[in-house]
Amino acid sequence: MPKLKTHKGAAKRFKKTGTGKVVRRHAMARHILTSKGSSRKRRLAQSAVADASDQAVLKRMIPY
């Protein structure tokens, strides 16, 4: 069986946890931050687990 290729665009945006779930970063955390509250900015800085409906596709994109 040949090796699987990693989707490089997905590899830059997502990573796998130890249990195999795929995590992502939040959107809206790059610019125009002065109008956003401190607690909102803190929450946006944390990673979030990708939606369950996308997990299968993302796991295929980042097999390793």
Foldseek 3Di string as FASTA:
>chain_A
DDDADAQVVLVVAWDADPVGFIKGAAPPQDDPCVVPDPVVNVVRGDIDTDDPVCRVVSCSNGVD
